[in-house]
Amino acid sequence: MTETIGDFFADIERDRPNVPKKYTGTIRFDLSVDHVAEHWVLKIDSGSVSVARDAREADCVVRARCDVFARIVTGEQGVYAAVWRNLLSVEGDISLLSTLRELLPAAQEASRTASRKPEV
């Protein structure tokens, strides 16, 4: 696993970001290097997010190589573009993939910037 990925999940665990309350469920990430997978689980409960490291059953399972997921986390690769290019596979409740987009650093920064703009 790359440091970038570990930092991404550690930031979620530390900051406990909120996503829109319409999202509830679990997403398991099976991220692999040389055909060995590491598992991360995001539990989303009415917008609140927590992180675990295990291979439990999940509502949505996302599979990718670590290098691909690291590019997604850094904003070099789009989530949906990765799906369309078969770089990332999704099984189960694909609507939960939108939660991942909400948690990416670029989305978090856009949200902070938007909240600082004065209303006209």
Protein backbone atom coordinates (compact mmCIF):
# COMPACT_ATOMS: atom_id res chain seq x y z
CA MET A 1 0.00 0.00 0.00
CA THR A 2 1.20 3.49 -0.69
CA GLU A 3 1.67 6.19 1.88
CA THR A 4 -0.82 8.32 -0.05
CA ILE A 5 -3.59 5.78 0.48
CA GLY A 6 -2.77 5.31 4.14
CA ASP A 7 -2.80 9.07 4.63
CA PHE A 8 -6.16 9.37 2.85
CA PHE A 9 -7.84 6.87 5.17
CA ALA A 10 -6.02 8.22 8.25
CA ASP A 11 -7.31 11.71 7.44
CA ILE A 12 -10.86 10.37 7.22
CA GLU A 13 -10.45 8.53 10.53
CA ARG A 14 -8.95 11.58 12.24
CA ASP A 15 -11.21 14.28 10.78
CA ARG A 16 -14.45 12.26 10.66
CA PRO A 17 -15.81 14.27 7.73
CA ASN A 18 -19.49 14.50 7.04
CA VAL A 19 -21.03 13.68 3.69
CA PRO A 20 -24.64 14.34 2.67
CA LYS A 21 -27.00 12.58 5.06
CA LYS A 22 -28.62 10.68 2.19
CA TYR A 23 -25.64 8.30 2.17
CA THR A 24 -25.78 5.27 4.46
CA GLY A 25 -23.95 1.99 3.97
CA THR A 26 -20.54 0.38 3.87
CA ILE A 27 -17.87 0.52 1.18
CA ARG A 28 -15.04 -1.99 1.21
CA PHE A 29 -11.93 -1.14 -0.76
CA ASP A 30 -9.88 -4.12 -1.97
CA LEU A 31 -6.62 -2.45 -3.01
CA SER A 32 -3.94 -4.67 -4.44
CA VAL A 33 -0.23 -4.77 -5.15
CA ASP A 34 1.17 -7.85 -6.88
CA HIS A 35 -2.16 -9.68 -6.45
CA VAL A 36 -2.18 -9.20 -2.66
CA ALA A 37 -5.14 -7.15 -1.46
CA GLU A 38 -5.40 -4.89 1.54
CA HIS A 39 -8.87 -4.04 2.79
CA TRP A 40 -10.29 -0.77 4.03
CA VAL A 41 -13.92 -0.25 5.01
CA LEU A 42 -15.80 3.02 5.19
CA LYS A 43 -18.95 2.91 7.27
CA ILE A 44 -21.31 5.73 6.37
CA ASP A 45 -24.20 6.32 8.75
CA SER A 46 -26.51 9.19 7.77
CA GLY A 47 -23.55 11.26 6.60
CA SER A 48 -21.08 10.35 9.36
CA VAL A 49 -18.02 8.36 8.22
CA SER A 50 -15.70 5.96 10.05
CA VAL A 51 -12.83 3.73 8.87
CA ALA A 52 -11.91 0.11 9.60
CA ARG A 53 -9.33 -2.33 8.26
CA ASP A 54 -10.92 -5.68 7.49
CA ALA A 55 -12.56 -7.75 4.78
CA ARG A 56 -16.14 -7.68 6.10
CA GLU A 57 -19.15 -7.86 3.85
CA ALA A 58 -20.11 -4.47 2.46
CA ASP A 59 -22.91 -2.82 0.52
CA CYS A 60 -20.40 -1.70 -2.11
CA VAL A 61 -17.03 -3.25 -2.97
CA VAL A 62 -14.45 -1.21 -4.86
CA ARG A 63 -11.45 -3.03 -6.34
CA ALA A 64 -8.36 -1.39 -7.80
CA ARG A 65 -4.62 -1.58 -7.87
CA CYS A 66 -2.98 0.64 -5.27
CA ASP A 67 -1.31 2.82 -7.91
CA VAL A 68 -4.67 3.54 -9.53
CA PHE A 69 -6.35 4.34 -6.22
CA ALA A 70 -3.42 6.58 -5.23
CA ARG A 71 -3.96 8.57 -8.46
CA ILE A 72 -7.66 8.90 -7.61
CA VAL A 73 -6.87 10.11 -4.09
CA THR A 74 -4.42 12.74 -5.39
CA GLY A 75 -6.83 13.95 -8.06
CA GLU A 76 -4.74 12.75 -11.00
CA GLN A 77 -7.46 10.27 -11.99
CA GLY A 78 -11.22 10.70 -11.79
CA VAL A 79 -13.30 8.07 -10.01
CA TYR A 80 -15.83 7.58 -12.79
CA ALA A 81 -13.19 7.77 -15.52
CA ALA A 82 -11.34 4.96 -13.73
CA VAL A 83 -14.54 2.87 -13.76
CA TRP A 84 -15.11 3.52 -17.47
CA ARG A 85 -11.52 2.53 -18.23
CA ASN A 86 -11.83 -0.68 -16.17
CA LEU A 87 -9.13 0.54 -13.79
CA LEU A 88 -11.56 0.38 -10.89
CA SER A 89 -14.40 -2.10 -10.47
CA VAL A 90 -17.49 -1.62 -8.35
CA GLU A 91 -19.92 -4.26 -7.11
CA GLY A 92 -23.10 -3.74 -5.14
CA ASP A 93 -24.62 -0.35 -4.38
CA ILE A 94 -22.81 1.82 -6.92
CA SER A 95 -24.57 4.94 -5.60
CA LEU A 96 -22.19 4.79 -2.63
CA LEU A 97 -19.36 5.59 -5.04
CA SER A 98 -20.59 9.19 -4.84
CA THR A 99 -19.57 9.15 -1.18
CA LEU A 100 -15.98 8.45 -2.22
CA ARG A 101 -16.04 11.52 -4.45
CA GLU A 102 -17.26 13.60 -1.50
CA LEU A 103 -14.29 12.43 0.57
CA LEU A 104 -11.54 13.12 -1.96
CA PRO A 105 -9.26 16.02 -1.02
CA ALA A 106 -10.28 18.09 -4.07
CA ALA A 107 -13.96 17.81 -3.10
CA GLN A 108 -13.19 18.69 0.51
CA GLU A 109 -11.21 21.76 -0.56
CA ALA A 110 -13.99 22.86 -2.94
CA SER A 111 -16.50 22.52 -0.11
CA ARG A 112 -14.34 24.62 2.25
CA THR A 113 -13.81 27.29 -0.44
CA ALA A 114 -17.53 27.45 -1.22
CA SER A 115 -18.40 27.86 2.45
CA ARG A 116 -16.00 30.83 2.72
CA LYS A 117 -17.49 32.75 -0.23
CA PRO A 118 -19.75 35.58 0.84
CA GLU A 119 -23.28 35.43 -0.46
CA VAL A 120 -24.41 38.22 -2.74
